[in-house]
Protein backbone atom coordinates (compact mmCIF):
# COMPACT_ATOMS: atom_id res chain seq x y z
CA MET A 1 31.83 -15.65 33.36
CA LEU A 2 29.90 -14.90 30.21
CA LYS A 3 31.90 -13.37 27.43
CA LYS A 4 30.45 -10.37 25.70
CA LYS A 5 29.43 -11.26 22.16
CA ARG A 6 31.40 -9.19 19.67
CA SER A 7 29.41 -7.50 16.92
CA LYS A 8 30.23 -8.33 13.34
CA LYS A 9 32.17 -5.79 11.24
CA LEU A 10 32.04 -5.10 7.55
CA ASN A 11 35.18 -5.81 5.63
CA THR A 12 36.16 -2.15 5.55
CA ASN A 13 38.41 0.16 7.56
CA ASN A 14 35.91 2.97 7.08
CA ASN A 15 32.26 3.62 7.90
CA LEU A 16 29.45 2.65 5.56
CA LEU A 17 26.86 5.40 5.28
CA PHE A 18 23.24 4.73 4.45
CA LEU A 19 21.30 7.59 2.83
CA VAL A 20 17.71 6.35 3.01
CA HIS A 21 14.14 7.56 3.21
CA LEU A 22 12.65 6.50 6.58
CA PRO A 23 9.10 6.86 7.89
CA PRO A 24 7.18 9.08 8.12
CA PRO A 25 5.41 9.10 5.75
CA ILE A 26 4.73 5.36 5.46
CA HIS A 27 5.04 4.03 1.92
CA GLY A 28 6.74 1.12 0.23
CA VAL A 29 10.25 2.53 0.07
CA SER A 30 10.24 3.86 3.66
CA ILE A 31 9.01 0.51 4.97
CA ILE A 32 11.81 -1.36 3.18
CA ASN A 33 14.39 1.21 4.33
CA GLU A 34 13.29 0.82 7.97
CA GLU A 35 13.86 -2.96 7.60
CA ILE A 36 17.32 -2.22 6.19
CA ARG A 37 18.17 0.18 9.00
CA GLN A 38 17.18 -2.30 11.72
CA HIS A 39 19.13 -5.10 10.07
CA PHE A 40 22.41 -3.35 9.30
CA SER A 41 22.55 -1.30 12.51
CA ALA A 42 22.04 -4.48 14.58
CA LYS A 43 24.45 -6.66 12.59
CA TYR A 44 27.20 -4.12 11.93
CA PRO A 45 26.81 -1.46 14.66
CA GLU A 46 30.50 -0.52 14.73
CA ASN A 47 30.79 0.90 11.19
CA THR A 48 27.33 1.74 9.83
CA LEU A 49 25.83 5.23 9.89
CA PHE A 50 22.32 6.25 8.82
CA LEU A 51 20.98 9.58 7.63
CA ASN A 52 17.24 9.98 6.96
CA ILE A 53 16.84 11.93 3.72
CA ALA A 54 13.02 12.03 3.76
CA THR A 55 11.58 15.55 3.74
CA SER A 56 7.87 14.77 3.13
CA GLY A 57 6.36 14.29 6.56
CA LYS A 58 2.87 13.60 5.29
CA THR A 59 1.53 11.28 2.55
CA GLU A 60 -0.22 14.16 0.76
CA TYR A 61 3.14 15.89 0.26
CA LEU A 62 4.70 12.97 -1.63
CA GLY A 63 6.05 13.97 -5.04
CA LYS A 64 5.33 17.65 -4.41
CA LEU A 65 7.84 20.39 -3.93
CA HIS A 66 6.69 22.94 -1.31
CA PHE A 67 9.52 25.49 -1.38
CA LYS A 68 8.41 27.44 1.68
CA LYS A 69 8.02 24.32 3.80
CA LYS A 70 10.96 22.33 2.52
CA LEU A 71 13.77 24.77 1.83
CA ILE A 72 14.91 24.88 5.46
CA SER A 73 14.69 21.07 5.79
CA TYR A 74 16.73 20.70 2.58
CA LEU A 75 19.44 23.01 3.86
CA LYS A 76 19.53 21.17 7.19
CA LEU A 77 19.84 17.87 5.34
CA PHE A 78 22.70 19.09 3.15
CA TYR A 79 24.51 20.44 6.20
CA SER A 80 23.97 17.18 8.13
CA LEU A 81 25.53 15.19 5.32
CA HIS A 82 28.41 17.65 5.03
CA LYS A 83 29.08 17.31 8.78
CA LEU A 84 28.96 13.48 8.60
CA LEU A 85 31.40 13.36 5.69
CA ARG A 86 33.80 15.76 7.38
CA SER A 87 33.74 14.13 10.82
CA HIS A 88 33.78 10.42 9.83
CA CYS A 89 35.92 8.43 7.48
CA ILE A 90 33.24 7.47 4.95
CA ARG A 91 34.39 6.03 1.63
CA LYS A 92 31.25 4.06 0.72
CA CYS A 93 27.57 4.90 0.75
CA TYR A 94 24.34 2.99 0.14
CA PHE A 95 21.94 5.54 -1.36
CA THR A 96 18.19 5.15 -2.16
CA PHE A 97 18.34 7.73 -4.91
CA THR A 98 15.02 9.03 -6.28
CA PRO A 99 15.28 9.13 -10.08
CA VAL A 100 11.95 10.83 -10.93
CA GLY A 101 9.92 13.83 -9.79
CA PRO A 102 11.23 16.96 -8.12
CA ALA A 103 13.04 14.94 -5.40
CA ILE A 104 15.73 14.06 -7.93
CA TYR A 105 17.26 17.54 -7.60
CA LYS A 106 17.58 17.27 -3.82
CA ASP A 107 19.05 13.78 -4.13
CA TYR A 108 21.49 14.88 -6.78
CA ILE A 109 22.90 17.58 -4.51
CA LEU A 110 23.43 14.87 -1.88
CA TYR A 111 25.11 12.77 -4.54
CA LEU A 112 27.42 15.65 -5.50
CA LEU A 113 28.44 16.04 -1.87
CA LEU A 114 29.41 12.41 -1.87
CA ARG A 115 31.49 12.98 -5.00
CA ILE A 116 33.25 15.98 -3.43
CA TYR A 117 34.32 13.82 -0.53
CA LYS A 118 35.32 10.96 -2.86
CA THR A 119 32.73 8.63 -1.38
CA LYS A 120 31.67 5.77 -3.66
CA ALA A 121 27.92 5.22 -4.04
CA LEU A 122 25.80 2.07 -4.35
CA VAL A 123 22.59 3.53 -5.74
CA HIS A 124 19.41 1.51 -5.08
CA LEU A 125 16.62 2.41 -7.47
CA HIS A 126 13.15 1.71 -6.01
CA SER A 127 11.14 3.50 -8.69
CA LYS A 128 11.01 3.78 -12.45
CA GLY A 129 10.13 6.48 -14.97
CA VAL A 130 13.61 7.43 -16.21
CA ILE A 131 12.68 6.58 -19.80
CA LYS A 132 9.84 9.10 -19.65
CA GLU A 133 11.88 11.92 -18.02
CA LYS A 134 15.15 11.58 -19.87
CA ASN A 135 14.07 14.16 -22.49
CA ASN A 136 14.39 16.79 -19.76
CA LEU A 137 17.93 18.06 -20.42
CA LEU A 138 18.83 18.68 -16.78
CA LYS A 139 17.54 15.32 -15.67
CA ARG A 140 19.33 13.63 -18.54
CA VAL A 141 22.64 15.18 -17.36
CA ILE A 142 21.91 13.90 -13.86
CA TYR A 143 21.15 10.38 -15.12
CA MET A 144 24.31 10.29 -17.21
CA ASP A 145 26.45 11.33 -14.22
CA VAL A 146 24.85 9.04 -11.60
CA PHE A 147 24.53 5.91 -13.76
CA ARG A 148 28.02 6.21 -15.25
CA ASN A 149 29.81 6.77 -11.95
CA SER A 150 27.83 4.65 -9.47
CA ASP A 151 27.09 0.98 -8.99
CA LEU A 152 23.34 0.32 -9.24
CA ILE A 153 20.82 -2.02 -7.58
CA VAL A 154 17.52 -2.54 -9.42
CA LEU A 155 14.61 -4.62 -8.24
CA SER A 156 14.31 -6.82 -11.33
CA PRO A 157 16.05 -7.38 -14.70
CA ARG A 158 12.67 -6.48 -16.21
CA LEU A 159 13.17 -2.89 -15.00
CA LEU A 160 16.50 -2.46 -16.77
CA SER A 161 14.72 -1.30 -19.95
CA ASP A 162 13.82 1.88 -18.02
CA LEU A 163 17.50 2.81 -18.18
CA ASP A 164 17.90 2.24 -21.95
CA GLY A 165 20.24 4.70 -23.65
CA PHE A 166 22.49 5.27 -20.63
CA ARG A 167 25.94 3.91 -19.95
CA LEU A 168 25.80 1.89 -16.73
CA LYS A 169 28.83 1.28 -14.55
CA SER A 170 27.46 -1.94 -13.05
CA VAL A 171 24.10 -3.40 -12.10
CA ARG A 172 23.00 -5.79 -9.32
CA TYR A 173 19.49 -7.21 -8.80
CA CYS A 174 17.70 -7.51 -5.47
CA PRO A 175 13.91 -8.03 -5.28
CA ASN A 176 12.14 -6.71 -2.21
CA GLY A 177 10.51 -8.72 0.57
CA LEU A 178 8.80 -8.08 3.88
CA LEU A 179 7.44 -9.63 7.03
CA THR A 180 3.69 -9.81 7.54
CA LYS A 181 1.25 -11.97 9.47
CA SER A 182 0.41 -15.20 7.64
CA PRO A 183 -3.17 -16.42 7.20
CA GLU A 184 -4.50 -18.84 9.78
CA ASN A 185 -4.98 -22.20 8.13
CA PHE A 186 -6.44 -20.52 5.03
CA LYS A 187 -9.90 -20.18 6.51
CA TYR A 188 -12.42 -18.93 3.96
CA PRO A 189 -15.68 -18.49 5.89
CA LYS A 190 -18.96 -17.96 4.03
CA LYS A 191 -19.90 -14.31 3.99
CA GLU A 192 -22.91 -12.36 2.96
CA LYS A 193 -20.72 -9.99 0.90
CA LEU A 194 -17.33 -10.52 -0.65
CA ARG A 195 -14.86 -7.75 0.10
CA ILE A 196 -12.78 -6.45 -2.80
CA LEU A 197 -9.79 -4.56 -1.41
CA TYR A 198 -7.67 -1.77 -2.86
CA LEU A 199 -4.88 -0.96 -0.38
CA SER A 200 -2.34 1.60 -1.53
CA ASN A 201 -2.01 5.40 -1.58
CA LEU A 202 -4.82 6.83 -3.66
CA ILE A 203 -3.09 8.07 -6.81
CA LYS A 204 -4.84 8.42 -10.16
CA ASN A 205 -2.27 6.37 -12.08
CA LYS A 206 -2.86 3.47 -9.70
CA GLY A 207 -6.02 2.75 -11.72
CA ILE A 208 -8.55 3.93 -9.12
CA GLU A 209 -11.15 4.88 -11.74
CA ASP A 210 -10.63 1.63 -13.69
CA LEU A 211 -11.58 -0.29 -10.54
CA LEU A 212 -14.64 1.87 -9.87
CA ARG A 213 -15.86 1.34 -13.47
CA ALA A 214 -15.25 -2.42 -13.31
CA VAL A 215 -17.05 -2.81 -9.97
CA SER A 216 -20.03 -0.77 -11.28
CA LEU A 217 -20.63 -3.63 -13.75
CA LEU A 218 -20.76 -6.10 -10.82
CA ARG A 219 -23.56 -4.37 -8.98
CA ASN A 220 -25.81 -7.44 -9.10
CA GLU A 221 -23.25 -9.42 -7.09
CA SER A 222 -23.05 -9.47 -3.32
CA ILE A 223 -19.84 -7.45 -2.96
CA GLU A 224 -18.36 -4.42 -1.28
CA LEU A 225 -15.41 -2.36 -2.45
CA VAL A 226 -13.04 -1.03 0.16
CA PHE A 227 -10.28 1.57 -0.41
CA VAL A 228 -7.50 1.91 2.17
CA GLY A 229 -4.65 4.43 1.87
CA GLY A 230 -3.73 8.09 2.00
CA MET A 231 -4.98 10.47 -0.67
CA VAL A 232 -2.14 11.85 -2.74
CA ASP A 233 -3.35 13.43 -6.02
CA VAL A 234 -7.02 12.88 -5.38
CA ASN A 235 -9.28 14.33 -2.64
CA GLN A 236 -12.51 13.28 -1.01
CA ALA A 237 -14.63 15.37 -3.40
CA TRP A 238 -13.01 13.75 -6.48
CA PHE A 239 -13.44 10.29 -5.00
CA ASP A 240 -17.07 10.84 -4.01
CA ASN A 241 -17.85 12.30 -7.46
CA ARG A 242 -16.50 9.19 -9.25
CA VAL A 243 -18.22 6.79 -6.86
CA ASN A 244 -21.56 8.56 -7.40
CA ARG A 245 -21.02 8.76 -11.16
CA TYR A 246 -20.76 4.97 -11.37
CA GLY A 247 -23.70 4.40 -9.02
CA ILE A 248 -21.79 2.31 -6.43
CA GLU A 249 -22.03 4.66 -3.42
CA ASN A 250 -23.87 1.99 -1.40
CA ILE A 251 -21.16 -0.64 -1.73
CA THR A 252 -17.97 1.52 -1.79
CA PHE A 253 -16.13 2.59 1.35
CA TYR A 254 -13.03 4.70 1.88
CA LEU A 255 -11.36 3.91 5.24
CA GLY A 256 -8.33 6.17 5.04
CA PRO A 257 -4.78 5.01 5.80
CA LYS A 258 -4.34 1.98 8.08
CA TYR A 259 -1.22 0.72 9.78
CA GLY A 260 -0.09 -2.12 11.95
CA LEU A 261 -2.78 -4.37 13.42
CA ALA A 262 -5.54 -2.28 11.80
CA LYS A 263 -4.06 -2.94 8.34
CA GLU A 264 -3.62 -6.66 9.12
CA ALA A 265 -7.29 -6.81 10.09
CA ILE A 266 -8.30 -5.28 6.76
CA TYR A 267 -6.33 -7.92 4.83
CA GLU A 268 -7.79 -10.75 6.94
CA SER A 269 -11.36 -9.53 6.37
CA SER A 270 -10.94 -9.23 2.56
CA ASP A 271 -11.52 -11.79 -0.21
CA ILE A 272 -9.94 -10.33 -3.33
CA PHE A 273 -7.06 -7.87 -3.66
CA VAL A 274 -6.93 -5.49 -6.68
CA LEU A 275 -4.19 -3.08 -7.74
CA PRO A 276 -4.95 -2.03 -11.34
CA THR A 277 -1.93 0.31 -11.46
CA HIS A 278 -0.80 2.03 -14.68
CA HIS A 279 2.66 2.90 -13.37
CA ASP A 280 4.53 0.98 -10.71
CA CYS A 281 7.87 -0.58 -9.94
CA PHE A 282 7.68 -3.30 -7.32
CA PRO A 283 4.52 -2.76 -5.23
CA LEU A 284 4.95 -4.08 -1.67
CA VAL A 285 1.22 -4.19 -1.17
CA ILE A 286 1.11 -7.11 -3.65
CA ILE A 287 3.60 -9.00 -1.47
CA GLU A 288 1.44 -8.16 1.58
CA ALA A 289 -1.64 -9.52 -0.17
CA MET A 290 0.24 -12.68 -1.17
CA SER A 291 1.35 -13.24 2.43
CA HIS A 292 -2.30 -13.13 3.52
CA GLY A 293 -3.33 -15.75 0.97
CA LEU A 294 -5.46 -13.40 -1.13
CA PRO A 295 -6.23 -13.94 -4.83
CA ILE A 296 -4.91 -10.94 -6.69
CA ILE A 297 -5.68 -8.94 -9.82
CA SER A 298 -3.04 -6.50 -11.01
CA THR A 299 -1.41 -5.26 -14.21
CA LYS A 300 1.54 -6.13 -16.41
CA VAL A 301 3.67 -3.13 -15.45
CA GLY A 302 7.07 -2.80 -13.80
CA ALA A 303 8.25 -5.91 -12.02
CA ILE A 304 4.75 -7.17 -11.20
CA PRO A 305 5.04 -10.04 -13.73
CA ASP A 306 8.15 -11.16 -11.79
CA ILE A 307 6.16 -11.22 -8.52
CA LEU A 308 2.99 -12.92 -9.74
CA ILE A 309 2.27 -15.61 -12.36
CA ASP A 310 -0.70 -14.79 -14.56
CA GLU A 311 -3.53 -17.34 -14.39
CA PHE A 312 -1.62 -19.40 -11.82
CA ASP A 313 -1.73 -17.32 -8.65
CA SER A 314 -3.31 -14.15 -10.02
CA TYR A 315 -4.74 -12.36 -13.02
CA LEU A 316 -2.53 -9.79 -14.73
CA ILE A 317 -4.24 -7.45 -17.20
CA ASP A 318 -3.21 -4.57 -19.40
CA PRO A 319 -3.34 -1.22 -17.51
CA GLY A 320 -6.42 0.84 -18.26
CA ASP A 321 -8.55 -2.06 -19.50
CA HIS A 322 -11.52 -1.79 -17.15
CA MET A 323 -13.62 -4.31 -19.13
CA GLU A 324 -10.91 -7.01 -18.72
CA LEU A 325 -10.70 -6.07 -15.04
CA PHE A 326 -14.48 -6.59 -14.80
CA ARG A 327 -14.25 -10.00 -16.46
CA LYS A 328 -11.46 -11.18 -14.13
CA LEU A 329 -13.25 -9.83 -11.08
CA ARG A 330 -16.40 -11.62 -12.09
CA GLN A 331 -14.50 -14.92 -12.42
CA LEU A 332 -13.13 -14.61 -8.92
CA VAL A 333 -16.33 -13.34 -7.34
CA THR A 334 -18.37 -16.23 -8.74
CA ASN A 335 -15.83 -19.01 -8.24
CA PRO A 336 -14.83 -19.63 -4.54
CA ASP A 337 -12.64 -22.63 -5.51
CA LEU A 338 -10.63 -20.40 -7.85
CA ARG A 339 -10.19 -17.81 -5.13
CA ARG A 340 -8.84 -20.47 -2.74
CA LYS A 341 -6.51 -21.94 -5.36
CA PHE A 342 -5.05 -18.55 -6.37
CA GLY A 343 -4.72 -17.47 -2.75
CA LYS A 344 -2.85 -20.58 -1.63
CA ARG A 345 -0.52 -20.44 -4.60
CA ALA A 346 0.20 -16.76 -4.00
CA PHE A 347 1.03 -17.49 -0.33
CA SER A 348 3.37 -20.35 -1.35
CA ARG A 349 5.18 -18.07 -3.78
CA TYR A 350 5.56 -15.42 -1.07
CA GLU A 351 7.12 -17.95 1.32
CA LYS A 352 9.56 -19.13 -1.31
CA ASN A 353 10.67 -15.77 -2.62
CA PHE A 354 9.54 -12.61 -0.83
CA THR A 355 9.89 -12.90 2.94
CA LYS A 356 11.69 -10.26 4.95
CA GLU A 357 14.47 -12.69 5.80
CA GLN A 358 15.12 -13.62 2.21
CA PHE A 359 15.21 -9.98 1.18
CA LEU A 360 17.65 -9.00 3.92
CA LEU A 361 19.91 -11.94 3.12
CA ARG A 362 19.94 -10.89 -0.54
CA LEU A 363 20.65 -7.26 0.23
CA ASP A 364 23.24 -8.04 2.90
CA LYS A 365 25.15 -10.16 0.38
CA THR A 366 24.78 -7.52 -2.30
CA VAL A 367 26.09 -4.74 -0.10
CA THR A 368 28.92 -6.72 1.54
CA ASP A 369 30.07 -8.08 -1.85
CA TRP A 370 30.12 -4.51 -3.16
CA VAL A 371 32.13 -3.36 -0.11
CA ASP A 372 34.61 -6.21 -0.64
CA GLU A 373 34.96 -5.43 -4.34
CA SER A 374 35.58 -1.75 -3.79
CA VAL A 375 37.98 -2.01 -0.85
């Protein structure tokens, strides 16, 4: 007779609550959190609870506070957490706290509820921008309270400077990772046109206009520029206006958001990946591009220099420098051997450091060690 396999338990007599943003909408943090949910709920089903704290159902609502649409969902969320804390013995909580934008106020109310019920928090910061917003008195008070009384996870030591000036209780580091389809034998077929790919939500501070300006200088080359992602703080009229302004309407295409196999097909049909972002933390799309063996051009912001190695598997430029972006694009467009070399090196670095399995092992150890320490 087969014995039923017993599920593993965390070293705690209480439940571990996960307050996380889950899809929809689909973006970097929600993708990572869905991986976390699947891993911990399968491995520790007896004492893990999850509460989805996302209130933006559509990509275009990200970072925006729609009082009429969200007030009821906020109240329901606060009540749901209150019920969980009252009905379960929860002394520890993993919390993907949003430190910037209007969502910080909603998350802080959730945090205060945890404090009322004497629940310790392990706060995982997936974004940066604290250093720019700390002059706001109310946000500064929130930062002081959360950082002084919670254990933190940040994605890279490089991002710790964003928290300068605050007393930190403790800090752990855990870079992200994800599972994607790997390239088939690194086939680089000859094509009439090289495809330059931008795949991310269309946000102005992602360097969209820098890329359009740089590509406009490459008009004599056989290329096409493809944008994939939801529009956040731009709209179709703004995008079309910029494309026409730079005279690249015949080689520029916006395909909207793509997911699953459709997104994989976009990566596989592309030749160069570009994310000229001005403000970012740890972009998962770069890891996706690495996993598909694409040569990459990005910027020296956030933790990107920890993901990529400049002039080894990628080119990293200063944000906003469209002329340098043009020069690096031209080098990759005109040099197929360089594209292959960068792409293979990027894939190798992905396999060594940024797979889904490696990330979940790192996070599992981080969380379980924290649970053990705080028992």
